[in-house]
């Protein structure tokens, strides 16, 4: 039997609401829901600070993906935010880095944002990080290292040996310039060949130079290895200190961030980088100094370190090597000892040539 309810039925349980009042209530309810949504909007747990170049962003996204994989909390949408910070090194491309303050110009503004709590962690190319970290910051994590070798890129030749005498090779790196001229003195070098990978490749395509040298690690991370004409053996071109390594820094008082990034650390890479940076620190290396250093694990599980200093024109090159336990203290001592040896052998005025 149906129960019929009169249109005028007004019990307390089922009060009638007129259409205008119902519309007002719906509007109020929508406002409340919007306010709740604003309050509940996901606030990023980790803000990653990075330069804005395609390679820097690729490294930041690699870090983000590893963080997401390490924690279900960080895998949630909106838990990680990438914050792009323009550095002085990116703004001023018309002058050599050494003339405007050195490699620290690629990290200074990011470090300042970290200390000002505008970001939670900073992602750096380790070869851009000065040997002294800013006060109140730590760098407890290195991601697994990419290929450390340099790539030769040219539209006219497949290797440096195939370039004709007088050919111009573009590079902003004194390390590359000195080693290149030492082996191939008939070539010329266009210095201050700066810019991101895409910019340098455009200059090459425009005929500004006949060839250039770039870190293979960056080309791999950008999925641009199709541009590589050949890969230089380490015996021919010793890499930059910490080349191919990514470092993640945070504030020294931020235990939570330190614990997040510590999970990503690749210890073999961290120790190799520590060895190389001890070498660089001992030499007091700068952008005006051609220095190369590379530590790796040999087939016996030991650390093999090779270091090099050169005169800017490549006429003088000094090399040394060390072998020892693949352990932090041993490797730092190896790097330091190698640096002291080369300092002694180089003598005053060596880097003026």
Protein backbone atom coordinates (compact mmCIF):
# COMPACT_ATOMS: atom_id res chain seq x y z
CA UNK A 1 0.00 0.00 0.00
CA UNK A 2 1.40 3.40 -1.00
CA UNK A 3 1.75 6.17 1.52
CA UNK A 4 0.65 9.43 0.05
CA UNK A 5 2.25 12.59 1.40
CA UNK A 6 0.43 15.84 1.08
CA UNK A 7 2.30 18.69 -0.64
CA UNK A 8 1.85 20.67 2.59
CA UNK A 9 3.39 17.99 4.82
CA UNK A 10 5.95 19.70 7.04
CA UNK A 11 7.22 17.26 9.64
CA UNK A 12 10.48 18.11 11.39
CA UNK A 13 12.06 15.04 9.85
CA UNK A 14 11.36 16.14 6.29
CA UNK A 15 11.07 19.93 6.17
CA UNK A 16 10.08 21.47 2.89
CA UNK A 17 12.53 23.93 1.38
CA UNK A 18 11.41 26.44 -1.21
CA UNK A 19 13.41 26.55 -4.49
CA UNK A 20 15.06 29.92 -3.75
CA UNK A 21 16.20 28.75 -0.33
CA UNK A 22 17.41 25.45 -1.80
CA UNK A 23 19.45 27.36 -4.38
CA UNK A 24 21.04 29.50 -1.66
CA UNK A 25 21.88 26.45 0.41
CA UNK A 26 23.48 24.76 -2.59
CA UNK A 27 25.57 27.85 -3.24
CA UNK A 28 26.68 27.97 0.39
CA UNK A 29 27.48 24.25 0.27
CA UNK A 30 29.57 24.78 -2.88
CA UNK A 31 31.51 27.57 -1.15
CA UNK A 32 32.15 25.36 1.85
CA UNK A 33 33.32 22.49 -0.37
CA UNK A 34 35.67 24.83 -2.26
CA UNK A 35 37.09 26.11 1.04
CA UNK A 36 37.65 22.58 2.30
CA UNK A 37 39.30 21.64 -1.00
CA UNK A 38 41.63 24.64 -0.71
CA UNK A 39 42.60 23.61 2.80
CA UNK A 40 43.07 19.99 1.74
CA UNK A 41 45.07 20.87 -1.38
CA UNK A 42 48.27 18.86 -1.37
CA UNK A 43 51.21 20.84 -0.06
CA UNK A 44 54.48 19.57 -1.51
CA UNK A 45 56.46 17.50 0.97
CA UNK A 46 59.66 18.11 -0.96
CA UNK A 47 60.49 21.14 -3.11
CA UNK A 48 63.42 20.34 -5.39
CA UNK A 49 65.56 23.32 -6.42
CA UNK A 50 67.33 23.14 -9.76
CA UNK A 51 68.71 25.18 -12.63
CA UNK A 52 66.40 25.50 -15.60
CA UNK A 53 68.57 24.02 -18.36
CA UNK A 54 67.20 20.88 -20.06
CA UNK A 55 70.00 18.81 -18.51
CA UNK A 56 69.47 20.22 -15.02
CA UNK A 57 65.75 19.53 -15.29
CA UNK A 58 66.43 15.98 -16.49
CA UNK A 59 68.54 15.46 -13.37
CA UNK A 60 65.82 16.96 -11.16
CA UNK A 61 63.20 14.66 -12.68
CA UNK A 62 65.50 11.68 -12.22
CA UNK A 63 65.79 12.63 -8.55
CA UNK A 64 62.02 13.07 -8.27
CA UNK A 65 61.36 9.65 -9.81
CA UNK A 66 63.78 7.97 -7.42
CA UNK A 67 62.20 9.74 -4.45
CA UNK A 68 58.73 8.65 -5.57
CA UNK A 69 59.92 5.07 -5.90
CA UNK A 70 61.47 5.17 -2.42
CA UNK A 71 58.32 6.14 -0.50
CA UNK A 72 54.58 5.68 -0.94
CA UNK A 73 54.10 9.05 0.75
CA UNK A 74 56.23 10.76 -1.90
CA UNK A 75 54.54 8.84 -4.71
CA UNK A 76 51.28 10.71 -4.11
CA UNK A 77 50.33 13.39 -6.62
CA UNK A 78 51.68 16.80 -5.66
CA UNK A 79 54.03 15.47 -2.99
CA UNK A 80 57.11 16.66 -4.88
CA UNK A 81 57.46 20.04 -6.57
CA UNK A 82 60.29 21.12 -8.85
CA UNK A 83 61.35 24.75 -8.41
CA UNK A 84 63.46 26.31 -11.18
CA UNK A 85 66.04 28.85 -10.02
CA UNK A 86 67.98 30.98 -12.49
CA UNK A 87 71.64 31.21 -11.53
CA UNK A 88 74.21 33.86 -12.40
CA UNK A 89 76.08 31.27 -14.43
CA UNK A 90 72.98 30.81 -16.61
CA UNK A 91 72.33 34.52 -16.98
CA UNK A 92 75.80 35.60 -18.11
CA UNK A 93 76.96 33.59 -21.13
CA UNK A 94 79.11 36.20 -22.84
CA UNK A 95 82.10 35.85 -20.49
CA UNK A 96 84.23 32.92 -19.32
CA UNK A 97 83.13 31.50 -15.97
CA UNK A 98 86.52 32.31 -14.46
CA UNK A 99 85.98 36.01 -15.20
CA UNK A 100 82.62 36.19 -13.41
CA UNK A 101 83.32 34.07 -10.36
CA UNK A 102 83.84 30.43 -11.31
CA UNK A 103 81.72 27.33 -11.18
CA UNK A 104 80.02 28.30 -7.92
CA UNK A 105 77.85 30.62 -10.00
CA UNK A 106 75.82 27.57 -11.05
CA UNK A 107 75.00 26.71 -7.44
CA UNK A 108 75.06 29.97 -5.43
CA UNK A 109 71.44 31.04 -5.91
CA UNK A 110 70.16 27.50 -5.38
CA UNK A 111 72.12 27.24 -2.13
CA UNK A 112 70.68 30.57 -1.00
CA UNK A 113 67.14 29.34 -1.71
CA UNK A 114 67.91 26.23 0.33
CA UNK A 115 69.17 28.23 3.29
CA UNK A 116 66.15 30.55 3.05
CA UNK A 117 63.79 27.52 3.16
CA UNK A 118 62.40 28.36 -0.28
CA UNK A 119 63.29 24.80 -1.33
CA UNK A 120 63.90 21.63 0.66
CA UNK A 121 66.63 19.94 -1.38
CA UNK A 122 69.00 21.07 -4.13
CA UNK A 123 70.03 18.94 -7.09
CA UNK A 124 73.44 19.75 -8.56
CA UNK A 125 75.81 18.43 -11.19
CA UNK A 126 78.64 17.49 -8.84
CA UNK A 127 81.31 18.92 -11.12
CA UNK A 128 79.70 22.36 -10.59
CA UNK A 129 79.79 22.14 -6.80
CA UNK A 130 82.65 24.08 -5.14
CA UNK A 131 84.90 22.05 -2.86
CA UNK A 132 83.58 24.02 0.14
CA UNK A 133 79.87 23.59 0.84
CA UNK A 134 77.95 26.59 2.20
CA UNK A 135 77.65 26.67 5.99
CA UNK A 136 74.54 24.89 7.34
CA UNK A 137 74.21 22.63 4.30
CA UNK A 138 75.16 19.00 3.76
CA UNK A 139 75.43 16.83 0.67
CA UNK A 140 74.82 13.27 1.91
CA UNK A 141 73.75 11.74 -1.38
CA UNK A 142 75.13 10.99 -4.83
CA UNK A 143 72.97 9.20 -7.37
CA UNK A 144 74.55 6.37 -9.40
CA UNK A 145 77.17 7.87 -11.68
CA UNK A 146 76.67 8.03 -15.44
CA UNK A 147 79.38 7.37 -18.02
CA UNK A 148 82.27 9.72 -17.19
CA UNK A 149 83.80 9.90 -20.67
CA UNK A 150 83.72 12.86 -23.06
CA UNK A 151 82.05 12.70 -26.45
CA UNK A 152 83.48 14.05 -29.70
CA UNK A 153 80.86 15.68 -31.92
CA UNK A 154 81.47 16.89 -35.45
CA UNK A 155 79.75 17.10 -38.80
CA UNK A 156 83.10 16.79 -40.61
CA UNK A 157 85.07 14.09 -38.80
CA UNK A 158 84.57 10.95 -36.73
CA UNK A 159 87.37 11.64 -34.26
CA UNK A 160 89.85 14.29 -33.16
CA UNK A 161 92.55 12.52 -35.16
CA UNK A 162 90.49 12.95 -38.35
CA UNK A 163 90.24 16.74 -38.05
CA UNK A 164 92.40 18.72 -40.45
CA UNK A 165 95.16 20.92 -39.07
CA UNK A 166 93.80 24.31 -38.05
CA UNK A 167 90.30 22.98 -37.40
CA UNK A 168 88.50 24.83 -34.61
CA UNK A 169 87.14 22.90 -31.66
CA UNK A 170 84.74 24.72 -29.35
CA UNK A 171 84.95 24.23 -25.59
CA UNK A 172 84.68 26.37 -22.48
CA UNK A 173 86.64 23.80 -20.47
CA UNK A 174 90.35 24.42 -19.82
CA UNK A 175 90.62 20.73 -18.89
CA UNK A 176 89.45 19.69 -22.35
CA UNK A 177 91.43 22.42 -24.09
CA UNK A 178 94.75 21.54 -22.45
CA UNK A 179 94.46 17.78 -23.02
CA UNK A 180 93.26 18.30 -26.60
CA UNK A 181 96.13 20.64 -27.51
CA UNK A 182 98.64 18.37 -25.78
CA UNK A 183 97.69 15.49 -28.10
CA UNK A 184 96.73 17.52 -31.18
CA UNK A 185 98.75 20.78 -31.18
CA UNK A 186 97.77 21.49 -34.80
CA UNK A 187 94.16 22.12 -33.79
CA UNK A 188 92.73 25.43 -32.57
CA UNK A 189 90.35 25.97 -29.68
CA UNK A 190 87.51 28.47 -29.53
CA UNK A 191 87.26 29.31 -25.85
CA UNK A 192 84.15 30.49 -24.00
CA UNK A 193 82.09 28.07 -26.08
CA UNK A 194 79.38 28.20 -23.41
CA UNK A 195 75.68 27.45 -23.24
CA UNK A 196 73.55 24.38 -22.65
CA UNK A 197 73.91 21.27 -24.78
CA UNK A 198 71.31 22.42 -27.31
CA UNK A 199 72.98 25.83 -27.68
CA UNK A 200 76.40 24.30 -28.32
CA UNK A 201 75.03 21.86 -30.87
CA UNK A 202 73.32 24.74 -32.69
CA UNK A 203 76.62 26.64 -32.85
CA UNK A 204 78.24 23.53 -34.28
CA UNK A 205 75.49 23.14 -36.88
CA UNK A 206 75.82 26.82 -37.76
CA UNK A 207 79.49 26.30 -38.60
CA UNK A 208 80.90 28.37 -35.73
CA UNK A 209 83.30 25.47 -35.02
CA UNK A 210 84.27 22.22 -36.73
CA UNK A 211 83.80 20.12 -33.61
CA UNK A 212 83.05 20.20 -29.92
CA UNK A 213 83.46 18.00 -26.86
CA UNK A 214 80.61 17.33 -24.43
CA UNK A 215 80.13 15.10 -21.41
CA UNK A 216 78.64 11.81 -22.52
CA UNK A 217 76.69 11.66 -19.25
CA UNK A 218 74.66 14.72 -20.17
CA UNK A 219 73.90 13.46 -23.66
CA UNK A 220 72.71 10.16 -22.21
CA UNK A 221 70.46 11.85 -19.68
CA UNK A 222 68.98 13.98 -22.46
CA UNK A 223 68.60 10.98 -24.81
CA UNK A 224 70.74 12.81 -27.38
CA UNK A 225 73.51 10.30 -28.01
CA UNK A 226 72.65 10.22 -31.71
CA UNK A 227 74.80 13.35 -32.04
CA UNK A 228 77.96 11.57 -30.82
CA UNK A 229 80.58 11.01 -33.51
CA UNK A 230 82.87 9.03 -31.18
CA UNK A 231 83.64 8.55 -27.50
CA UNK A 232 87.04 9.60 -26.19
CA UNK A 233 88.88 6.94 -24.15
CA UNK A 234 89.80 7.98 -20.62
CA UNK A 235 93.45 7.52 -21.57
CA UNK A 236 93.03 10.31 -24.13
CA UNK A 237 90.79 12.63 -22.13
CA UNK A 238 90.72 12.27 -18.35
CA UNK A 239 87.33 13.50 -17.10
CA UNK A 240 86.56 16.42 -14.83
CA UNK A 241 86.38 15.79 -11.11
CA UNK A 242 82.93 14.33 -10.32
CA UNK A 243 81.89 14.29 -13.98
CA UNK A 244 78.69 12.32 -14.51
CA UNK A 245 77.67 12.48 -10.83
CA UNK A 246 74.55 14.12 -9.39
CA UNK A 247 74.59 15.47 -5.84
CA UNK A 248 71.61 16.16 -3.59
CA UNK A 249 71.99 18.68 -0.79
CA UNK A 250 69.78 19.79 2.09
CA UNK A 251 70.04 21.95 5.20
CA UNK A 252 72.14 20.39 7.94
CA UNK A 253 69.32 20.83 10.48
CA UNK A 254 66.69 19.13 8.30
CA UNK A 255 66.82 15.53 9.45
CA UNK A 256 63.66 14.59 7.58
CA UNK A 257 65.03 15.66 4.20
CA UNK A 258 68.37 14.07 4.96
CA UNK A 259 66.63 10.76 5.65
CA UNK A 260 64.64 10.97 2.40
CA UNK A 261 67.70 11.56 0.23
CA UNK A 262 69.98 9.21 2.14
CA UNK A 263 67.83 6.36 0.78
CA UNK A 264 68.91 7.31 -2.75
CA UNK A 265 72.63 7.43 -2.06
CA UNK A 266 74.90 5.27 -4.22
CA UNK A 267 77.85 4.66 -1.94
CA UNK A 268 80.34 3.63 -4.63
CA UNK A 269 79.72 6.92 -6.42
CA UNK A 270 79.86 8.94 -3.21
CA UNK A 271 83.27 7.53 -2.30
CA UNK A 272 84.69 8.05 -5.80
CA UNK A 273 83.49 11.66 -5.79
CA UNK A 274 84.97 12.22 -2.32
CA UNK A 275 88.36 10.97 -3.55
CA UNK A 276 88.31 13.22 -6.60
CA UNK A 277 87.14 16.28 -4.66
CA UNK A 278 89.92 15.76 -2.08
CA UNK A 279 92.36 15.88 -5.00
CA UNK A 280 90.76 19.07 -6.35
CA UNK A 281 90.66 20.71 -2.92
CA UNK A 282 94.37 20.03 -2.37
CA UNK A 283 95.18 21.65 -5.68
CA UNK A 284 92.83 24.54 -4.87
CA UNK A 285 91.43 24.07 -8.36
CA UNK A 286 89.41 26.74 -10.11
CA UNK A 287 88.02 27.42 -13.56
CA UNK A 288 91.41 28.89 -14.47
CA UNK A 289 93.20 25.63 -13.71
CA UNK A 290 93.21 22.60 -16.04
CA UNK A 291 92.62 19.71 -13.61
CA UNK A 292 91.24 16.22 -14.22
CA UNK A 293 90.65 13.39 -11.77
CA UNK A 294 88.90 10.05 -11.82
CA UNK A 295 88.45 7.35 -9.18
CA UNK A 296 86.89 3.97 -9.92
CA UNK A 297 86.74 0.43 -8.59
CA UNK A 298 89.14 -1.90 -10.38
CA UNK A 299 88.62 -5.60 -11.13
CA UNK A 300 90.00 -6.53 -7.70
CA UNK A 301 87.56 -4.23 -5.89
CA UNK A 302 90.20 -1.66 -5.00
CA UNK A 303 90.16 2.05 -5.79
CA UNK A 304 92.20 3.20 -8.76
CA UNK A 305 92.66 6.97 -8.91
CA UNK A 306 94.19 8.96 -11.74
CA UNK A 307 94.90 12.67 -11.57
CA UNK A 308 96.22 15.26 -13.99
CA UNK A 309 97.21 18.92 -14.08
CA UNK A 310 98.24 20.81 -17.19
CA UNK A 311 99.31 24.20 -18.41
CA UNK A 312 96.44 26.00 -20.17
CA UNK A 313 98.18 25.74 -23.57
CA UNK A 314 98.66 21.98 -23.19
CA UNK A 315 102.44 22.07 -23.57
CA UNK A 316 102.95 20.66 -20.06
CA UNK A 317 100.92 17.83 -18.58
CA UNK A 318 101.63 16.11 -15.27
CA UNK A 319 99.88 12.87 -14.30
CA UNK A 320 99.83 10.57 -11.30
CA UNK A 321 97.88 7.59 -10.01
CA UNK A 322 97.08 5.85 -6.73
CA UNK A 323 95.69 2.46 -5.77
CA UNK A 324 94.24 1.46 -2.41
CA UNK A 325 91.22 0.23 -0.47
CA UNK A 326 87.78 1.27 -1.69
CA UNK A 327 86.94 2.93 1.63
CA UNK A 328 86.19 6.55 2.47
CA UNK A 329 89.21 7.49 4.57
CA UNK A 330 91.65 5.65 2.33
CA UNK A 331 90.24 7.24 -0.81
CA UNK A 332 90.22 10.77 0.59
CA UNK A 333 93.87 10.32 1.61
CA UNK A 334 94.69 9.03 -1.89
CA UNK A 335 93.16 12.08 -3.51
CA UNK A 336 94.90 14.45 -1.13
CA UNK A 337 98.28 12.71 -1.54
CA UNK A 338 98.00 12.76 -5.34
CA UNK A 339 97.21 16.47 -5.24
CA UNK A 340 100.19 17.24 -3.02
CA UNK A 341 102.48 15.31 -5.36
CA UNK A 342 101.35 17.23 -8.43
CA UNK A 343 101.56 20.55 -6.60
CA UNK A 344 105.17 19.76 -5.71
CA UNK A 345 106.05 18.63 -9.22
CA UNK A 346 104.34 21.59 -10.90
CA UNK A 347 106.10 24.26 -8.91
CA UNK A 348 105.36 28.00 -9.02
CA UNK A 349 104.12 29.51 -12.27
CA UNK A 350 103.14 26.14 -13.79
CA UNK A 351 99.58 27.19 -14.58
CA UNK A 352 100.65 30.48 -16.13
CA UNK A 353 101.79 28.80 -19.37
